[in-house]
Amino acid sequence: MVKFLIVTEFFPCCLKIMESAAPNSLENLRAKFYIAFIIQRILAEEQGLSYICASTERVQAINIAFGNVIAKLVEDPSMAIDNDLKILTPILRCYIRLYDNRG
């Protein structure tokens, strides 16, 4: 599955959606959760991790997209805490996977 996502350039599309979706609706927050989960699954496999870490731009794009999501969640505390935690879980797992690979 990861090979298909890499070959089809699905990863850049995920980041564009994550950056463009407005944070103030539950539907957009869910979309961002699913995108973060997909990126987490890509990073979970060595092929996906190698693909993303092969380019500094890809790693920076993840940092920017996830950083923007986190900043928007901090700015808008009206979202339910459960929803915030749901989206933060895959984001944190992605950061951990990238950190573990930084060798």
Protein backbone atom coordinates (compact mmCIF):
# COMPACT_ATOMS: atom_id res chain seq x y z
CA MET A 1 0.00 0.00 0.00
CA VAL A 2 2.81 2.44 0.84
CA LYS A 3 4.39 1.93 -2.56
CA PHE A 4 1.10 2.92 -4.23
CA LEU A 5 0.88 6.09 -2.11
CA ILE A 6 4.47 7.00 -2.99
CA VAL A 7 4.16 6.32 -6.72
CA THR A 8 0.91 8.28 -7.04
CA GLU A 9 2.32 11.32 -5.21
CA PHE A 10 -0.47 11.02 -2.65
CA PHE A 11 1.75 12.43 0.10
CA PRO A 12 1.95 16.01 -1.29
CA CYS A 13 -1.83 16.01 -1.74
CA CYS A 14 -2.28 15.07 1.89
CA LEU A 15 -0.14 17.98 3.02
CA LYS A 16 -2.00 20.44 0.78
CA ILE A 17 -5.35 19.35 2.20
CA MET A 18 -4.03 19.54 5.74
CA GLU A 19 -2.79 23.09 5.21
CA SER A 20 -5.86 24.37 3.35
CA ALA A 21 -8.72 22.94 5.42
CA ALA A 22 -10.13 25.43 7.91
CA PRO A 23 -9.62 24.30 11.50
CA ASN A 24 -12.87 25.56 12.92
CA SER A 25 -15.20 22.80 11.79
CA LEU A 26 -15.42 19.28 13.11
CA GLU A 27 -15.48 17.87 9.57
CA ASN A 28 -12.19 19.55 8.68
CA LEU A 29 -10.65 18.41 11.93
CA ARG A 30 -11.67 14.85 11.10
CA ALA A 31 -10.16 15.18 7.62
CA LYS A 32 -6.89 16.36 9.15
CA PHE A 33 -6.96 13.45 11.59
CA TYR A 34 -7.33 10.95 8.74
CA ILE A 35 -4.57 12.62 6.74
CA ALA A 36 -2.25 12.59 9.76
CA PHE A 37 -3.12 8.91 10.25
CA ILE A 38 -2.27 8.15 6.59
CA ILE A 39 1.07 9.93 6.93
CA GLN A 40 1.69 7.98 10.13
CA ARG A 41 1.04 4.72 8.25
CA ILE A 42 3.41 5.79 5.46
CA LEU A 43 6.11 6.53 8.02
CA ALA A 44 5.48 3.24 9.83
CA GLU A 45 6.96 1.28 6.93
CA GLU A 46 10.64 1.53 6.01
CA GLN A 47 9.87 2.28 2.36
CA GLY A 48 7.66 5.21 3.34
CA LEU A 49 10.14 6.48 5.91
CA SER A 50 12.93 6.33 3.34
CA TYR A 51 10.80 8.18 0.79
CA ILE A 52 9.97 11.01 3.16
CA CYS A 53 13.43 11.29 4.71
CA ALA A 54 15.14 11.25 1.30
CA SER A 55 14.17 14.87 0.85
CA THR A 56 14.68 17.65 3.36
CA GLU A 57 11.78 19.46 1.70
CA ARG A 58 9.39 16.59 2.52
CA VAL A 59 10.41 16.54 6.17
CA GLN A 60 10.10 20.32 6.35
CA ALA A 61 6.67 20.15 4.68
CA ILE A 62 5.50 17.73 7.38
CA ASN A 63 6.87 20.00 10.11
CA ILE A 64 5.15 23.04 8.63
CA ALA A 65 1.80 21.33 8.03
CA PHE A 66 1.69 19.67 11.45
CA GLY A 67 2.99 22.81 13.14
CA ASN A 68 0.20 24.85 11.57
CA VAL A 69 -2.42 22.36 12.73
CA ILE A 70 -1.09 22.44 16.28
CA ALA A 71 -0.91 26.26 16.26
CA LYS A 72 -4.52 26.51 15.03
CA LEU A 73 -5.69 24.13 17.74
CA VAL A 74 -3.97 26.29 20.35
CA GLU A 75 -5.56 29.43 18.89
CA ASP A 76 -9.08 27.95 18.92
CA PRO A 77 -9.71 26.32 22.29
CA SER A 78 -13.42 26.03 21.49
CA MET A 79 -12.85 22.66 19.83
CA ALA A 80 -13.55 19.77 22.18
CA ILE A 81 -10.46 18.45 23.93
CA ASP A 82 -11.20 14.90 22.76
CA ASN A 83 -11.00 16.02 19.13
CA ASP A 84 -7.74 17.85 19.78
CA LEU A 85 -6.21 14.75 21.32
CA LYS A 86 -7.40 12.54 18.49
CA ILE A 87 -5.58 14.62 15.88
CA LEU A 88 -2.50 15.03 18.05
CA THR A 89 -1.96 11.28 18.44
CA PRO A 90 -0.96 10.52 14.83
CA ILE A 91 0.94 13.81 14.58
CA LEU A 92 3.03 12.94 17.63
CA ARG A 93 3.62 9.42 16.33
CA CYS A 94 4.90 10.89 13.06
CA TYR A 95 7.26 13.19 14.92
CA ILE A 96 8.52 10.28 17.03
CA ARG A 97 9.14 8.14 13.94
CA LEU A 98 11.03 10.96 12.21
CA TYR A 99 13.03 11.64 15.37
CA ASP A 100 13.98 7.98 15.76
CA ASN A 101 15.27 7.96 12.18
CA ARG A 102 17.39 11.11 12.40
CA GLY A 103 20.63 9.10 12.83
